[in-house]
Amino acid sequence: MSNADAPFRLDGKIALITGGTRGIGAAIAEEFADAGARVLLTGRRAADVEAAAAKLGRGAVGFAYDSGVDGAPERLANEVADKVGALDVLVNNAAILKPHFLSRVTRGELDELLSVNVKAPFFLCNALHPVLKQSGRGAIVTITAAGGHRPMPGIGAYCASKAALINFTIAMAKEWAKDGIRVNALTPGSVATDAILPKDPAKREAFITEMASQNLFKRLADPREIARATRFLASDAASYMTGSVMTVDAGFLA
């Protein structure tokens, strides 16, 4: 490894990735582990998260975590402190979509969207602030969405939740710079994951074609492409970055 490559590595860092059992989260977990980090990941079902951690290996630890439950962020922070005792990187990736036109969004659905997509990462950041500060090189990366920048019909409530998360991310960067914690956001474009792709083969093909047509590369992203950008923000290569929203969307928002 050359000296030029070293800042992009995560050797010796401990990183927590929420929603790390599938899709973008799983790709981030693998990317971080390959870069030398010890990975902690969360998932809603204990069996799934344990299997994901075992598959990843290299000292990975899984935590069963339902971010929508009151008090869950604080309990997760306590578990991390008890089992690991240190943390250098937090990736806020867990989220839900709930596609609906605004006129059909129920109070319960809006409450769930805000609970999982906004309140959970907000309170997890606060709960982990002391241990990230103690690290002396703490970094938070929040995974947002293009809808947080450009509201879209059919997912307006989701877009609003991501816009709020972007706002919180920048505010945290301003408040926590004095503590040596860098806080950035990453906005991915359309990603080919099972979470968004229709199960029916014909519908899936049509969906991919339509989504791909909306960016300049005319294709969906591979989750690993998003994971590499996330790793950059978490690494010392981004040591002069905080309060930024990095967009990896093949020009969708251009």
Protein backbone atom coordinates (compact mmCIF):
# COMPACT_ATOMS: atom_id res chain seq x y z
CA MET A 1 0.00 0.00 0.00
CA SER A 2 1.40 3.39 -1.02
CA ASN A 3 1.33 6.49 1.17
CA ALA A 4 -1.23 7.94 -1.23
CA ASP A 5 -3.64 5.08 -0.51
CA ALA A 6 -3.29 5.13 3.29
CA PRO A 7 -5.77 7.99 4.04
CA PHE A 8 -8.53 6.07 2.23
CA ARG A 9 -8.10 3.04 4.49
CA LEU A 10 -10.11 2.44 7.68
CA ASP A 11 -7.55 0.32 9.51
CA GLY A 12 -8.08 0.38 13.26
CA LYS A 13 -11.41 2.18 13.04
CA ILE A 14 -14.64 0.84 14.56
CA ALA A 15 -17.71 1.63 12.48
CA LEU A 16 -21.42 1.20 13.23
CA ILE A 17 -23.74 0.88 10.22
CA THR A 18 -27.49 0.91 10.81
CA GLY A 19 -29.54 -1.20 8.43
CA GLY A 20 -26.40 -3.12 7.52
CA THR A 21 -27.93 -6.47 6.61
CA ARG A 22 -29.06 -5.74 3.05
CA GLY A 23 -28.91 -3.34 0.12
CA ILE A 24 -26.73 -0.26 0.47
CA GLY A 25 -26.10 -0.99 4.16
CA ALA A 26 -24.71 -4.46 3.45
CA ALA A 27 -22.50 -3.05 0.69
CA ILE A 28 -21.18 -0.38 3.07
CA ALA A 29 -20.46 -3.01 5.71
CA GLU A 30 -18.48 -5.11 3.23
CA GLU A 31 -16.62 -2.07 1.86
CA PHE A 32 -15.65 -0.93 5.36
CA ALA A 33 -14.49 -4.40 6.37
CA ASP A 34 -12.41 -4.70 3.19
CA ALA A 35 -10.85 -1.32 4.05
CA GLY A 36 -9.74 -2.59 7.47
CA ALA A 37 -12.52 -1.41 9.79
CA ARG A 38 -14.14 -3.49 12.48
CA VAL A 39 -17.80 -3.38 11.56
CA LEU A 40 -20.82 -3.23 13.84
CA LEU A 41 -24.14 -3.53 12.06
CA THR A 42 -27.82 -3.46 12.91
CA GLY A 43 -30.96 -5.09 11.57
CA ARG A 44 -34.51 -5.52 12.80
CA ARG A 45 -34.40 -9.33 13.13
CA ALA A 46 -31.80 -10.92 15.38
CA ALA A 47 -31.36 -13.95 13.11
CA ASP A 48 -30.71 -11.76 10.06
CA VAL A 49 -28.21 -9.51 11.77
CA GLU A 50 -26.35 -12.42 13.33
CA ALA A 51 -26.14 -14.15 9.95
CA ALA A 52 -24.91 -10.95 8.28
CA ALA A 53 -22.21 -10.44 10.92
CA ALA A 54 -21.09 -14.07 10.65
CA LYS A 55 -20.91 -13.83 6.86
CA LEU A 56 -18.91 -10.62 7.04
CA GLY A 57 -16.53 -12.04 9.65
CA ARG A 58 -13.39 -10.12 10.60
CA GLY A 59 -14.70 -9.38 14.10
CA ALA A 60 -18.05 -8.00 12.93
CA VAL A 61 -20.75 -7.66 15.60
CA GLY A 62 -24.49 -7.58 14.94
CA PHE A 63 -27.13 -5.81 17.02
CA ALA A 64 -30.87 -6.43 16.73
CA TYR A 65 -32.30 -2.94 16.50
CA ASP A 66 -35.71 -1.56 15.57
CA SER A 67 -35.04 2.13 15.10
CA GLY A 68 -38.73 3.02 15.20
CA VAL A 69 -39.16 1.96 18.83
CA ASP A 70 -38.96 4.69 21.47
CA GLY A 71 -35.71 4.51 23.41
CA ALA A 72 -34.07 2.14 20.89
CA PRO A 73 -31.26 4.55 19.89
CA GLU A 74 -30.22 5.03 23.51
CA ARG A 75 -30.33 1.26 24.16
CA LEU A 76 -28.20 0.61 21.08
CA ALA A 77 -25.64 3.17 22.21
CA ASN A 78 -25.44 1.44 25.59
CA GLU A 79 -25.00 -1.97 23.93
CA VAL A 80 -22.18 -0.64 21.76
CA ALA A 81 -20.48 0.84 24.81
CA ASP A 82 -20.85 -2.43 26.76
CA LYS A 83 -19.74 -4.83 23.99
CA VAL A 84 -17.15 -2.76 22.15
CA GLY A 85 -16.38 0.29 24.26
CA ALA A 86 -15.30 2.53 21.40
CA LEU A 87 -16.56 3.97 18.13
CA ASP A 88 -14.97 6.02 15.36
CA VAL A 89 -17.61 6.05 12.62
CA LEU A 90 -21.41 6.06 12.56
CA VAL A 91 -23.28 5.51 9.29
CA ASN A 92 -26.98 6.37 9.55
CA ASN A 93 -28.37 4.19 6.78
CA ALA A 94 -31.56 2.55 8.11
CA ALA A 95 -34.72 4.03 6.60
CA ILE A 96 -38.19 3.19 5.34
CA LEU A 97 -40.04 4.44 2.25
CA LYS A 98 -43.86 4.11 2.57
CA PRO A 99 -44.79 5.32 -0.94
CA HIS A 100 -48.11 7.19 -1.02
CA PHE A 101 -49.53 10.35 -2.49
CA LEU A 102 -49.79 12.98 0.25
CA SER A 103 -53.59 12.87 0.27
CA ARG A 104 -53.41 9.19 1.30
CA VAL A 105 -50.71 9.39 3.97
CA THR A 106 -52.17 8.42 7.33
CA ARG A 107 -51.14 9.89 10.65
CA GLY A 108 -49.64 6.53 11.61
CA GLU A 109 -47.58 6.30 8.43
CA LEU A 110 -46.24 9.82 8.84
CA ASP A 111 -45.38 9.13 12.46
CA GLU A 112 -43.50 5.97 11.42
CA LEU A 113 -41.61 7.74 8.63
CA LEU A 114 -40.50 10.53 10.92
CA SER A 115 -39.67 8.11 13.73
CA VAL A 116 -37.42 5.86 11.62
CA ASN A 117 -35.99 8.35 9.13
CA VAL A 118 -35.53 11.42 11.33
CA LYS A 119 -35.92 10.83 15.06
CA ALA A 120 -33.94 7.58 15.22
CA PRO A 121 -30.75 8.85 13.53
CA PHE A 122 -31.04 12.17 15.36
CA PHE A 123 -31.21 10.54 18.79
CA LEU A 124 -28.63 7.87 17.91
CA CYS A 125 -26.16 10.60 16.97
CA ASN A 126 -26.82 12.32 20.29
CA ALA A 127 -26.52 9.08 22.25
CA LEU A 128 -23.21 8.21 20.57
CA HIS A 129 -21.82 11.74 20.69
CA PRO A 130 -19.70 11.11 23.83
CA VAL A 131 -17.99 8.01 22.45
CA LEU A 132 -17.42 9.62 19.04
CA LYS A 133 -15.93 12.65 20.78
CA GLN A 134 -13.69 10.38 22.86
CA SER A 135 -12.40 8.80 19.64
CA GLY A 136 -10.71 12.04 18.67
CA ARG A 137 -11.40 11.25 15.03
CA GLY A 138 -15.15 10.69 15.02
CA ALA A 139 -17.07 10.76 11.77
CA ILE A 140 -20.78 10.53 11.01
CA VAL A 141 -22.12 9.80 7.53
CA THR A 142 -25.85 10.10 7.00
CA ILE A 143 -27.37 8.42 3.95
CA THR A 144 -30.03 10.73 2.54
CA ALA A 145 -31.96 10.62 -0.75
CA ALA A 146 -32.46 12.64 -3.90
CA GLY A 147 -35.99 13.32 -2.71
CA GLY A 148 -34.56 15.30 0.18
CA HIS A 149 -33.35 17.82 -2.39
CA ARG A 150 -36.11 17.51 -4.98
CA PRO A 151 -39.62 16.62 -3.69
CA MET A 152 -41.28 13.92 -5.77
CA PRO A 153 -44.95 13.00 -6.22
CA GLY A 154 -45.92 9.69 -4.66
CA ILE A 155 -43.21 9.80 -1.99
CA GLY A 156 -43.67 13.34 -0.66
CA ALA A 157 -43.67 12.38 3.02
CA TYR A 158 -40.50 10.32 2.57
CA CYS A 159 -38.87 13.25 0.76
CA ALA A 160 -39.77 15.59 3.61
CA SER A 161 -38.22 13.21 6.15
CA LYS A 162 -34.97 13.08 4.20
CA ALA A 163 -34.92 16.88 3.82
CA ALA A 164 -35.21 17.17 7.60
CA LEU A 165 -32.36 14.69 8.02
CA ILE A 166 -30.13 16.73 5.72
CA ASN A 167 -30.89 19.82 7.78
CA PHE A 168 -30.09 18.05 11.05
CA THR A 169 -26.84 16.68 9.59
CA ILE A 170 -25.55 20.15 8.70
CA ALA A 171 -26.63 21.56 12.08
CA MET A 172 -24.75 18.77 13.88
CA ALA A 173 -21.65 19.51 11.82
CA LYS A 174 -21.76 23.12 12.98
CA GLU A 175 -22.31 22.23 16.63
CA TRP A 176 -19.87 19.31 16.90
CA ALA A 177 -16.86 20.54 14.94
CA LYS A 178 -15.43 21.76 18.25
CA ASP A 179 -15.58 18.15 19.49
CA GLY A 180 -13.53 16.81 16.60
CA ILE A 181 -16.53 15.05 15.02
CA ARG A 182 -17.01 15.41 11.27
CA VAL A 183 -20.65 15.14 10.12
CA ASN A 184 -21.47 14.73 6.43
CA ALA A 185 -24.30 13.38 4.32
CA LEU A 186 -24.30 11.29 1.17
CA THR A 187 -27.14 11.42 -1.33
CA PRO A 188 -27.27 8.32 -3.56
CA GLY A 189 -29.12 8.18 -6.83
CA SER A 190 -31.20 5.20 -7.95
CA VAL A 191 -29.69 1.97 -6.64
CA ALA A 192 -30.45 -1.57 -7.77
CA THR A 193 -31.55 -3.21 -4.50
CA ASP A 194 -34.35 -5.66 -3.74
CA ALA A 195 -35.90 -3.04 -1.45
CA ILE A 196 -37.00 -0.92 -4.43
CA LEU A 197 -37.14 -3.40 -7.32
CA PRO A 198 -40.50 -5.09 -8.14
CA LYS A 199 -40.54 -8.86 -7.70
CA ASP A 200 -42.33 -9.50 -11.00
CA PRO A 201 -39.61 -9.86 -13.72
CA ALA A 202 -41.51 -7.85 -16.35
CA LYS A 203 -42.31 -5.03 -13.93
CA ARG A 204 -38.74 -5.11 -12.66
CA GLU A 205 -37.32 -4.65 -16.15
CA ALA A 206 -39.70 -1.75 -16.88
CA PHE A 207 -38.90 -0.15 -13.52
CA ILE A 208 -35.14 -0.35 -14.10
CA THR A 209 -35.50 1.13 -17.58
CA GLU A 210 -37.61 4.03 -16.32
CA MET A 211 -35.38 4.81 -13.33
CA ALA A 212 -32.21 4.54 -15.40
CA SER A 213 -33.54 6.95 -18.00
CA GLN A 214 -33.62 9.74 -15.43
CA ASN A 215 -29.86 10.07 -14.94
CA LEU A 216 -26.98 10.89 -17.27
CA PHE A 217 -25.43 7.40 -17.25
CA LYS A 218 -28.76 5.71 -18.10
CA ARG A 219 -28.26 2.97 -15.52
CA LEU A 220 -28.90 2.26 -11.86
CA ALA A 221 -26.03 2.28 -9.39
CA ASP A 222 -24.49 -0.82 -7.94
CA PRO A 223 -24.69 -0.60 -4.12
CA ARG A 224 -20.91 -0.89 -3.92
CA GLU A 225 -20.55 2.37 -5.86
CA ILE A 226 -22.43 4.12 -3.06
CA ALA A 227 -20.44 2.24 -0.44
CA ARG A 228 -17.11 3.48 -1.85
CA ALA A 229 -18.25 7.09 -1.58
CA THR A 230 -19.43 6.45 1.99
CA ARG A 231 -16.05 4.99 2.85
CA PHE A 232 -14.36 8.12 1.53
CA LEU A 233 -16.44 10.35 3.82
CA ALA A 234 -15.66 8.09 6.78
CA SER A 235 -11.93 8.00 6.04
CA ASP A 236 -9.12 10.40 6.85
CA ALA A 237 -9.03 11.28 3.15
CA ALA A 238 -12.07 13.47 3.92
CA SER A 239 -10.46 15.04 7.00
CA TYR A 240 -11.26 18.58 5.79
CA MET A 241 -14.91 17.83 5.05
CA THR A 242 -17.79 18.51 7.40
CA GLY A 243 -21.27 19.93 6.89
CA SER A 244 -21.21 18.69 3.30
CA VAL A 245 -23.79 16.78 1.29
CA MET A 246 -22.00 14.67 -1.31
CA THR A 247 -24.16 13.55 -4.23
CA VAL A 248 -23.51 10.25 -6.04
CA ASP A 249 -26.40 10.10 -8.47
CA ALA A 250 -25.07 9.98 -12.06
CA GLY A 251 -26.31 13.51 -12.56
CA PHE A 252 -29.93 12.91 -11.56
CA LEU A 253 -30.03 16.19 -9.64
CA ALA A 254 -27.89 18.09 -12.14
